Amino acid sequence: MNERSYDIQELVAESGTPRRTIHFYTQQGILPPPQGAGLAARYGEEHLLRLRLIPLLRRRGMRLDQIRAEFARLDAAGMKALLDESPIPLSVPQPTPSPALPTGQASVRYDLGDGIVLYAPAHLSLAGQARLSRILRAAFARRFPVMPMNGAKSAADGATEDEEA
């Protein structure tokens, strides 16, 4: 069989998968080991096919152990058929920096729940810190409301500890 072979740089370029990820998949048994070792290692069409299928199967909700099991039961023709029937484009969009977060600026991530994430600059002025603190208190008060006892106002109602004491 006259199958094309790839060195690691060619496989990275063809698949769009980083070198470290390819090595990880090989260690996990998701990809078969290459022919040869080190700089002489050669990868074949099956490696490329699997690397193109992995993002598709991940988007379908499969874990890596499930993908490994799926690959174990499929031959190359089955993998090609699965790839051909895919309604989802296989090119993985690359993340782009948000205009609100300049590249290289240190930031702090706040998970507000329900998939809502707030990123704030790591270095804020005192006024900015106070404003961020009010925003976070309000967000968490709405997510985890404190039930007032004996008619007292809750933090979500705007009462402070000084007012309650």
N, C-alpha and C. Protein backbone atom coordinates (compact mmCIF):
# COMPACT_ATOMS: atom_id res chain seq x y z
N MET A 1 0.85 -1.19 0.00
CA MET A 1 0.00 0.00 0.00
C MET A 1 0.89 1.24 0.00
N ASN A 2 0.58 2.20 -0.83
CA ASN A 2 1.39 3.40 -0.99
C ASN A 2 0.76 4.54 -0.19
N GLU A 3 0.85 4.45 1.13
CA GLU A 3 0.24 5.44 2.01
C GLU A 3 1.22 6.59 2.24
N ARG A 4 0.70 7.78 2.23
CA ARG A 4 1.53 8.96 2.51
C ARG A 4 1.94 8.93 3.98
N SER A 5 3.14 9.39 4.26
CA SER A 5 3.57 9.50 5.65
C SER A 5 3.98 10.95 5.94
N TYR A 6 3.92 11.29 7.21
CA TYR A 6 4.16 12.66 7.65
C TYR A 6 5.17 12.65 8.79
N ASP A 7 6.03 13.66 8.83
CA ASP A 7 6.80 13.86 10.05
C ASP A 7 5.91 14.67 11.00
N ILE A 8 6.37 14.92 12.20
CA ILE A 8 5.51 15.57 13.19
C ILE A 8 5.10 16.97 12.76
N GLN A 9 6.00 17.74 12.13
CA GLN A 9 5.65 19.09 11.70
C GLN A 9 4.57 19.05 10.62
N GLU A 10 4.68 18.11 9.70
CA GLU A 10 3.68 17.98 8.65
C GLU A 10 2.33 17.57 9.23
N LEU A 11 2.36 16.66 10.21
CA LEU A 11 1.12 16.22 10.84
C LEU A 11 0.45 17.37 11.59
N VAL A 12 1.25 18.17 12.27
CA VAL A 12 0.72 19.35 12.97
C VAL A 12 0.08 20.29 11.96
N ALA A 13 0.76 20.53 10.84
CA ALA A 13 0.25 21.46 9.83
C ALA A 13 -1.02 20.92 9.17
N GLU A 14 -1.05 19.63 8.86
CA GLU A 14 -2.21 19.02 8.19
C GLU A 14 -3.43 18.93 9.10
N SER A 15 -3.19 18.61 10.36
CA SER A 15 -4.32 18.36 11.27
C SER A 15 -4.74 19.59 12.06
N GLY A 16 -3.82 20.55 12.24
CA GLY A 16 -4.13 21.71 13.08
C GLY A 16 -4.05 21.38 14.56
N THR A 17 -3.50 20.22 14.89
CA THR A 17 -3.39 19.77 16.28
C THR A 17 -1.98 20.05 16.77
N PRO A 18 -1.83 20.68 17.93
CA PRO A 18 -0.49 20.96 18.45
C PRO A 18 0.31 19.68 18.71
N ARG A 19 1.61 19.80 18.59
CA ARG A 19 2.52 18.67 18.78
C ARG A 19 2.31 18.01 20.15
N ARG A 20 2.20 18.80 21.18
CA ARG A 20 2.03 18.24 22.54
C ARG A 20 0.75 17.43 22.64
N THR A 21 -0.30 17.88 21.97
CA THR A 21 -1.58 17.15 21.99
C THR A 21 -1.44 15.83 21.25
N ILE A 22 -0.72 15.83 20.15
CA ILE A 22 -0.49 14.58 19.41
C ILE A 22 0.24 13.59 20.29
N HIS A 23 1.27 14.05 20.99
CA HIS A 23 2.02 13.15 21.90
C HIS A 23 1.12 12.66 23.03
N PHE A 24 0.28 13.54 23.55
CA PHE A 24 -0.65 13.15 24.62
C PHE A 24 -1.61 12.07 24.13
N TYR A 25 -2.20 12.27 22.94
CA TYR A 25 -3.12 11.27 22.39
C TYR A 25 -2.42 9.93 22.17
N THR A 26 -1.15 9.97 21.79
CA THR A 26 -0.39 8.73 21.61
C THR A 26 -0.19 8.05 22.96
N GLN A 27 0.17 8.81 23.98
CA GLN A 27 0.36 8.25 25.33
C GLN A 27 -0.94 7.66 25.86
N GLN A 28 -2.07 8.25 25.52
CA GLN A 28 -3.37 7.79 26.01
C GLN A 28 -3.95 6.65 25.17
N GLY A 29 -3.27 6.26 24.10
CA GLY A 29 -3.74 5.17 23.26
C GLY A 29 -4.84 5.58 22.29
N ILE A 30 -5.05 6.86 22.11
CA ILE A 30 -6.05 7.35 21.17
C ILE A 30 -5.46 7.34 19.75
N LEU A 31 -4.16 7.61 19.67
CA LEU A 31 -3.43 7.49 18.41
C LEU A 31 -2.46 6.32 18.54
N PRO A 32 -2.28 5.55 17.47
CA PRO A 32 -1.25 4.51 17.53
C PRO A 32 0.13 5.18 17.53
N PRO A 33 1.14 4.49 18.05
CA PRO A 33 2.47 5.09 18.02
C PRO A 33 2.96 5.25 16.58
N PRO A 34 3.83 6.22 16.35
CA PRO A 34 4.35 6.41 14.99
C PRO A 34 5.35 5.30 14.65
N GLN A 35 5.67 5.21 13.37
CA GLN A 35 6.73 4.32 12.94
C GLN A 35 8.05 5.04 13.20
N GLY A 36 8.94 4.44 13.93
CA GLY A 36 10.21 5.07 14.26
C GLY A 36 10.07 5.92 15.51
N ALA A 37 11.17 6.59 15.84
CA ALA A 37 11.18 7.39 17.06
C ALA A 37 11.94 8.69 16.83
N GLY A 38 11.71 9.64 17.68
CA GLY A 38 12.41 10.92 17.63
C GLY A 38 12.14 11.66 16.33
N LEU A 39 13.16 12.24 15.75
CA LEU A 39 13.01 13.01 14.52
C LEU A 39 12.67 12.13 13.33
N ALA A 40 12.94 10.82 13.44
CA ALA A 40 12.65 9.89 12.34
C ALA A 40 11.22 9.34 12.41
N ALA A 41 10.46 9.73 13.42
CA ALA A 41 9.09 9.21 13.57
C ALA A 41 8.24 9.62 12.38
N ARG A 42 7.47 8.67 11.88
CA ARG A 42 6.60 8.92 10.73
C ARG A 42 5.17 8.55 11.11
N TYR A 43 4.26 9.40 10.70
CA TYR A 43 2.84 9.22 10.97
C TYR A 43 2.13 8.97 9.65
N GLY A 44 1.05 8.18 9.68
CA GLY A 44 0.35 7.83 8.46
C GLY A 44 -1.03 8.48 8.36
N GLU A 45 -1.74 8.04 7.33
CA GLU A 45 -3.09 8.55 7.07
C GLU A 45 -4.04 8.27 8.23
N GLU A 46 -3.86 7.14 8.91
CA GLU A 46 -4.74 6.83 10.04
C GLU A 46 -4.57 7.85 11.16
N HIS A 47 -3.35 8.29 11.39
CA HIS A 47 -3.12 9.32 12.42
C HIS A 47 -3.88 10.60 12.06
N LEU A 48 -3.75 11.00 10.80
CA LEU A 48 -4.42 12.22 10.35
C LEU A 48 -5.93 12.06 10.42
N LEU A 49 -6.42 10.92 10.03
CA LEU A 49 -7.86 10.66 10.08
C LEU A 49 -8.37 10.74 11.52
N ARG A 50 -7.67 10.12 12.44
CA ARG A 50 -8.08 10.17 13.85
C ARG A 50 -8.03 11.59 14.38
N LEU A 51 -6.98 12.34 14.02
CA LEU A 51 -6.87 13.72 14.49
C LEU A 51 -7.98 14.60 13.94
N ARG A 52 -8.48 14.28 12.78
CA ARG A 52 -9.60 15.04 12.23
C ARG A 52 -10.92 14.62 12.86
N LEU A 53 -11.01 13.39 13.32
CA LEU A 53 -12.25 12.91 13.95
C LEU A 53 -12.38 13.33 15.41
N ILE A 54 -11.28 13.45 16.11
CA ILE A 54 -11.34 13.73 17.55
C ILE A 54 -12.16 14.99 17.85
N PRO A 55 -11.93 16.14 17.19
CA PRO A 55 -12.75 17.32 17.51
C PRO A 55 -14.23 17.09 17.23
N LEU A 56 -14.54 16.37 16.18
CA LEU A 56 -15.93 16.06 15.85
C LEU A 56 -16.58 15.26 16.97
N LEU A 57 -15.90 14.23 17.42
CA LEU A 57 -16.45 13.38 18.47
C LEU A 57 -16.52 14.12 19.80
N ARG A 58 -15.56 14.99 20.06
CA ARG A 58 -15.60 15.79 21.29
C ARG A 58 -16.82 16.72 21.27
N ARG A 59 -17.10 17.34 20.10
CA ARG A 59 -18.27 18.21 20.01
C ARG A 59 -19.57 17.44 20.16
N ARG A 60 -19.53 16.16 19.89
CA ARG A 60 -20.71 15.32 20.09
C ARG A 60 -20.83 14.86 21.55
N GLY A 61 -19.91 15.32 22.38
CA GLY A 61 -19.99 15.04 23.81
C GLY A 61 -19.21 13.83 24.27
N MET A 62 -18.40 13.26 23.42
CA MET A 62 -17.65 12.06 23.81
C MET A 62 -16.40 12.44 24.59
N ARG A 63 -16.13 11.66 25.64
CA ARG A 63 -14.90 11.81 26.41
C ARG A 63 -13.78 11.08 25.67
N LEU A 64 -12.54 11.35 26.06
CA LEU A 64 -11.41 10.72 25.38
C LEU A 64 -11.42 9.20 25.52
N ASP A 65 -11.84 8.68 26.66
CA ASP A 65 -11.89 7.22 26.81
C ASP A 65 -12.95 6.62 25.88
N GLN A 66 -14.03 7.33 25.66
CA GLN A 66 -15.06 6.86 24.72
C GLN A 66 -14.54 6.93 23.28
N ILE A 67 -13.78 7.96 22.97
CA ILE A 67 -13.20 8.09 21.64
C ILE A 67 -12.21 6.96 21.40
N ARG A 68 -11.39 6.64 22.41
CA ARG A 68 -10.45 5.53 22.28
C ARG A 68 -11.20 4.24 21.98
N ALA A 69 -12.30 3.99 22.70
CA ALA A 69 -13.10 2.78 22.47
C ALA A 69 -13.73 2.79 21.08
N GLU A 70 -14.20 3.94 20.63
CA GLU A 70 -14.79 4.06 19.29
C GLU A 70 -13.75 3.74 18.22
N PHE A 71 -12.55 4.28 18.38
CA PHE A 71 -11.48 4.00 17.42
C PHE A 71 -11.11 2.53 17.43
N ALA A 72 -11.17 1.88 18.58
CA ALA A 72 -10.82 0.46 18.67
C ALA A 72 -11.80 -0.39 17.88
N ARG A 73 -13.05 0.01 17.80
CA ARG A 73 -14.05 -0.79 17.10
C ARG A 73 -14.16 -0.45 15.61
N LEU A 74 -13.60 0.69 15.19
CA LEU A 74 -13.69 1.11 13.79
C LEU A 74 -12.41 0.81 13.04
N ASP A 75 -12.55 0.44 11.78
CA ASP A 75 -11.38 0.37 10.91
C ASP A 75 -11.28 1.70 10.17
N ALA A 76 -10.27 1.81 9.30
CA ALA A 76 -10.06 3.08 8.58
C ALA A 76 -11.27 3.45 7.74
N ALA A 77 -11.91 2.46 7.10
CA ALA A 77 -13.09 2.75 6.27
C ALA A 77 -14.24 3.28 7.13
N GLY A 78 -14.41 2.71 8.32
CA GLY A 78 -15.46 3.18 9.23
C GLY A 78 -15.19 4.60 9.71
N MET A 79 -13.93 4.91 9.96
CA MET A 79 -13.57 6.27 10.38
C MET A 79 -13.83 7.27 9.25
N LYS A 80 -13.47 6.88 8.02
CA LYS A 80 -13.71 7.76 6.87
C LYS A 80 -15.20 8.00 6.68
N ALA A 81 -15.99 6.93 6.84
CA ALA A 81 -17.45 7.07 6.70
C ALA A 81 -17.99 8.02 7.76
N LEU A 82 -17.51 7.88 8.98
CA LEU A 82 -17.95 8.76 10.07
C LEU A 82 -17.58 10.21 9.78
N LEU A 83 -16.40 10.40 9.24
CA LEU A 83 -15.95 11.74 8.90
C LEU A 83 -16.77 12.32 7.75
N ASP A 84 -17.10 11.48 6.77
CA ASP A 84 -17.88 11.94 5.61
C ASP A 84 -19.32 12.29 5.97
N GLU A 85 -19.88 11.62 6.96
CA GLU A 85 -21.29 11.88 7.32
C GLU A 85 -21.44 13.04 8.28
N SER A 86 -20.33 13.63 8.68
CA SER A 86 -20.36 14.70 9.67
C SER A 86 -21.05 15.95 9.12
N PRO A 87 -22.15 16.39 9.77
CA PRO A 87 -22.78 17.64 9.35
C PRO A 87 -22.05 18.86 9.90
N ILE A 88 -21.12 18.62 10.82
CA ILE A 88 -20.41 19.71 11.48
C ILE A 88 -19.08 19.93 10.79
N PRO A 89 -18.75 21.16 10.40
CA PRO A 89 -17.44 21.39 9.79
C PRO A 89 -16.34 21.02 10.79
N LEU A 90 -15.29 20.40 10.29
CA LEU A 90 -14.26 19.90 11.18
C LEU A 90 -13.18 20.91 11.51
N SER A 91 -13.15 22.04 10.84
CA SER A 91 -12.14 23.02 11.20
C SER A 91 -12.51 23.63 12.54
N VAL A 92 -11.58 23.65 13.44
CA VAL A 92 -11.82 24.17 14.78
C VAL A 92 -11.51 25.67 14.78
N PRO A 93 -12.50 26.51 15.11
CA PRO A 93 -12.22 27.94 15.13
C PRO A 93 -11.20 28.27 16.21
N GLN A 94 -10.27 29.14 15.89
CA GLN A 94 -9.25 29.55 16.84
C GLN A 94 -9.80 30.69 17.69
N PRO A 95 -9.56 30.64 18.99
CA PRO A 95 -10.06 31.73 19.83
C PRO A 95 -9.35 33.04 19.47
N THR A 96 -10.11 34.12 19.55
CA THR A 96 -9.52 35.44 19.30
C THR A 96 -9.63 36.25 20.58
N PRO A 97 -8.64 37.07 20.84
CA PRO A 97 -8.70 37.87 22.06
C PRO A 97 -9.89 38.82 22.03
N SER A 98 -10.52 38.97 23.18
CA SER A 98 -11.65 39.87 23.29
C SER A 98 -11.13 41.31 23.28
N PRO A 99 -11.85 42.21 22.61
CA PRO A 99 -11.40 43.61 22.62
C PRO A 99 -11.40 44.21 24.02
N ALA A 100 -12.22 43.64 24.92
CA ALA A 100 -12.29 44.17 26.28
C ALA A 100 -11.06 43.77 27.10
N LEU A 101 -10.35 42.73 26.67
CA LEU A 101 -9.16 42.28 27.39
C LEU A 101 -7.96 42.36 26.47
N PRO A 102 -7.21 43.45 26.52
CA PRO A 102 -6.04 43.57 25.66
C PRO A 102 -5.07 42.41 25.90
N THR A 103 -4.48 41.92 24.84
CA THR A 103 -3.52 40.84 24.93
C THR A 103 -2.39 41.23 25.85
N GLY A 104 -2.04 40.33 26.74
CA GLY A 104 -0.94 40.57 27.66
C GLY A 104 -1.33 41.25 28.95
N GLN A 105 -2.56 41.73 29.07
CA GLN A 105 -2.99 42.39 30.29
C GLN A 105 -3.39 41.33 31.31
N ALA A 106 -2.85 41.44 32.51
CA ALA A 106 -3.20 40.49 33.57
C ALA A 106 -4.65 40.72 33.96
N SER A 107 -5.38 39.61 34.14
CA SER A 107 -6.79 39.73 34.51
C SER A 107 -7.14 38.66 35.53
N VAL A 108 -8.28 38.86 36.16
CA VAL A 108 -8.81 37.91 37.14
C VAL A 108 -10.15 37.44 36.62
N ARG A 109 -10.38 36.13 36.69
CA ARG A 109 -11.62 35.54 36.20
C ARG A 109 -12.55 35.29 37.39
N TYR A 110 -13.81 35.71 37.24
CA TYR A 110 -14.83 35.47 38.26
C TYR A 110 -15.94 34.65 37.60
N ASP A 111 -16.17 33.44 38.10
CA ASP A 111 -17.24 32.60 37.57
C ASP A 111 -18.51 32.94 38.35
N LEU A 112 -19.49 33.52 37.65
CA LEU A 112 -20.72 33.95 38.30
C LEU A 112 -21.81 32.90 38.23
N GLY A 113 -21.51 31.75 37.65
CA GLY A 113 -22.49 30.67 37.54
C GLY A 113 -23.31 30.78 36.27
N ASP A 114 -23.98 29.69 35.94
CA ASP A 114 -24.82 29.61 34.74
C ASP A 114 -24.06 29.98 33.47
N GLY A 115 -22.75 29.69 33.45
CA GLY A 115 -21.96 29.97 32.26
C GLY A 115 -21.55 31.41 32.10
N ILE A 116 -21.82 32.23 33.09
CA ILE A 116 -21.47 33.65 33.02
C ILE A 116 -20.12 33.85 33.69
N VAL A 117 -19.20 34.45 32.96
CA VAL A 117 -17.85 34.68 33.47
C VAL A 117 -17.54 36.17 33.32
N LEU A 118 -16.96 36.73 34.36
CA LEU A 118 -16.55 38.13 34.35
C LEU A 118 -15.03 38.18 34.44
N TYR A 119 -14.40 38.87 33.52
CA TYR A 119 -12.97 39.11 33.58
C TYR A 119 -12.75 40.56 33.93
N ALA A 120 -11.88 40.79 34.89
CA ALA A 120 -11.56 42.16 35.30
C ALA A 120 -10.05 42.33 35.31
N PRO A 121 -9.58 43.52 35.01
CA PRO A 121 -8.13 43.75 35.08
C PRO A 121 -7.62 43.42 36.48
N ALA A 122 -6.43 42.82 36.54
CA ALA A 122 -5.87 42.44 37.84
C ALA A 122 -5.49 43.67 38.67
N HIS A 123 -5.16 44.75 38.01
CA HIS A 123 -4.74 45.95 38.73
C HIS A 123 -5.76 47.05 38.50
N LEU A 124 -6.58 47.30 39.52
CA LEU A 124 -7.61 48.32 39.43
C LEU A 124 -7.31 49.45 40.42
N SER A 125 -7.81 50.63 40.11
CA SER A 125 -7.72 51.74 41.06
C SER A 125 -8.62 51.40 42.25
N LEU A 126 -8.51 52.18 43.31
CA LEU A 126 -9.38 51.95 44.48
C LEU A 126 -10.85 52.08 44.10
N ALA A 127 -11.15 53.06 43.27
CA ALA A 127 -12.53 53.25 42.83
C ALA A 127 -12.98 52.05 41.99
N GLY A 128 -12.10 51.55 41.13
CA GLY A 128 -12.42 50.38 40.32
C GLY A 128 -12.62 49.13 41.18
N GLN A 129 -11.79 48.98 42.22
CA GLN A 129 -11.94 47.84 43.13
C GLN A 129 -13.27 47.91 43.86
N ALA A 130 -13.65 49.11 44.30
CA ALA A 130 -14.92 49.27 45.00
C ALA A 130 -16.09 48.95 44.07
N ARG A 131 -16.02 49.42 42.84
CA ARG A 131 -17.09 49.15 41.87
C ARG A 131 -17.18 47.65 41.56
N LEU A 132 -16.02 47.01 41.36
CA LEU A 132 -16.01 45.57 41.10
C LEU A 132 -16.59 44.81 42.29
N SER A 133 -16.24 45.22 43.48
CA SER A 133 -16.76 44.58 44.68
C SER A 133 -18.29 44.68 44.74
N ARG A 134 -18.85 45.85 44.41
CA ARG A 134 -20.31 46.02 44.39
C ARG A 134 -20.95 45.12 43.33
N ILE A 135 -20.32 45.05 42.17
CA ILE A 135 -20.85 44.20 41.08
C ILE A 135 -20.86 42.74 41.51
N LEU A 136 -19.77 42.28 42.10
CA LEU A 136 -19.69 40.87 42.52
C LEU A 136 -20.68 40.56 43.64
N ARG A 137 -20.79 41.48 44.60
CA ARG A 137 -21.77 41.27 45.69
C ARG A 137 -23.17 41.17 45.13
N ALA A 138 -23.51 42.05 44.21
CA ALA A 138 -24.85 42.04 43.61
C ALA A 138 -25.08 40.75 42.82
N ALA A 139 -24.08 40.33 42.07
CA ALA A 139 -24.23 39.10 41.28
C ALA A 139 -24.41 37.89 42.17
N PHE A 140 -23.60 37.79 43.23
CA PHE A 140 -23.71 36.63 44.10
C PHE A 140 -24.95 36.70 44.98
N ALA A 141 -25.40 37.91 45.34
CA ALA A 141 -26.62 38.03 46.14
C ALA A 141 -27.82 37.54 45.34
N ARG A 142 -27.83 37.79 44.05
CA ARG A 142 -28.93 37.31 43.21
C ARG A 142 -28.84 35.81 42.98
N ARG A 143 -27.61 35.30 42.89
CA ARG A 143 -27.43 33.86 42.65
C ARG A 143 -27.68 33.06 43.92
N PHE A 144 -27.23 33.57 45.06
CA PHE A 144 -27.38 32.88 46.34
C PHE A 144 -28.06 33.82 47.33
N PRO A 145 -29.36 34.06 47.16
CA PRO A 145 -30.03 35.01 48.05
C PRO A 145 -30.01 34.52 49.50
N VAL A 146 -29.80 35.46 50.40
CA VAL A 146 -29.81 35.16 51.83
C VAL A 146 -31.24 35.38 52.31
N MET A 147 -31.81 34.39 52.93
CA MET A 147 -33.18 34.51 53.42
C MET A 147 -33.17 35.34 54.69
N PRO A 148 -33.86 36.48 54.71
CA PRO A 148 -33.88 37.32 55.91
C PRO A 148 -34.61 36.61 57.05
N MET A 149 -34.12 36.85 58.24
CA MET A 149 -34.75 36.25 59.42
C MET A 149 -35.45 37.34 60.22
N ASN A 150 -36.64 37.07 60.71
CA ASN A 150 -37.40 37.98 61.55
C ASN A 150 -37.60 39.36 60.92
N GLY A 151 -37.84 39.40 59.62
CA GLY A 151 -38.14 40.66 58.97
C GLY A 151 -36.95 41.54 58.68
N ALA A 152 -35.73 41.05 58.96
CA ALA A 152 -34.54 41.87 58.68
C ALA A 152 -34.30 41.95 57.18
N LYS A 153 -33.68 43.03 56.75
CA LYS A 153 -33.36 43.18 55.33
C LYS A 153 -32.17 42.28 54.99
N SER A 154 -32.18 41.74 53.76
CA SER A 154 -31.05 40.93 53.32
C SER A 154 -30.05 41.83 52.62
N ALA A 155 -28.85 41.30 52.37
CA ALA A 155 -27.82 42.05 51.65
C ALA A 155 -28.31 42.42 50.26
N ALA A 156 -29.14 41.57 49.67
CA ALA A 156 -29.66 41.85 48.33
C ALA A 156 -30.62 43.04 48.35
N ASP A 157 -31.22 43.33 49.52
CA ASP A 157 -32.13 44.46 49.63
C ASP A 157 -31.39 45.77 49.88
N GLY A 158 -30.05 45.69 50.02
CA GLY A 158 -29.27 46.91 50.18
C GLY A 158 -28.88 47.21 51.61
N ALA A 159 -29.23 46.37 52.55
CA ALA A 159 -28.87 46.62 53.95
C ALA A 159 -27.41 46.24 54.16
N THR A 160 -26.74 46.96 55.04
CA THR A 160 -25.37 46.62 55.39
C THR A 160 -25.36 46.12 56.82
N GLU A 161 -24.21 45.56 57.23
CA GLU A 161 -24.11 45.03 58.59
C GLU A 161 -24.29 46.15 59.60
N ASP A 162 -23.83 47.36 59.27
CA ASP A 162 -23.95 48.47 60.21
C ASP A 162 -25.41 48.82 60.46
N GLU A 163 -26.23 48.73 59.39
CA GLU A 163 -27.65 49.08 59.51
C GLU A 163 -28.39 48.03 60.31
N GLU A 164 -27.94 46.75 60.21
CA GLU A 164 -28.66 45.67 60.90
C GLU A 164 -28.29 45.61 62.37
N ALA A 165 -27.11 46.10 62.73
CA ALA A 165 -26.65 46.00 64.11
C ALA A 165 -27.27 47.03 64.99
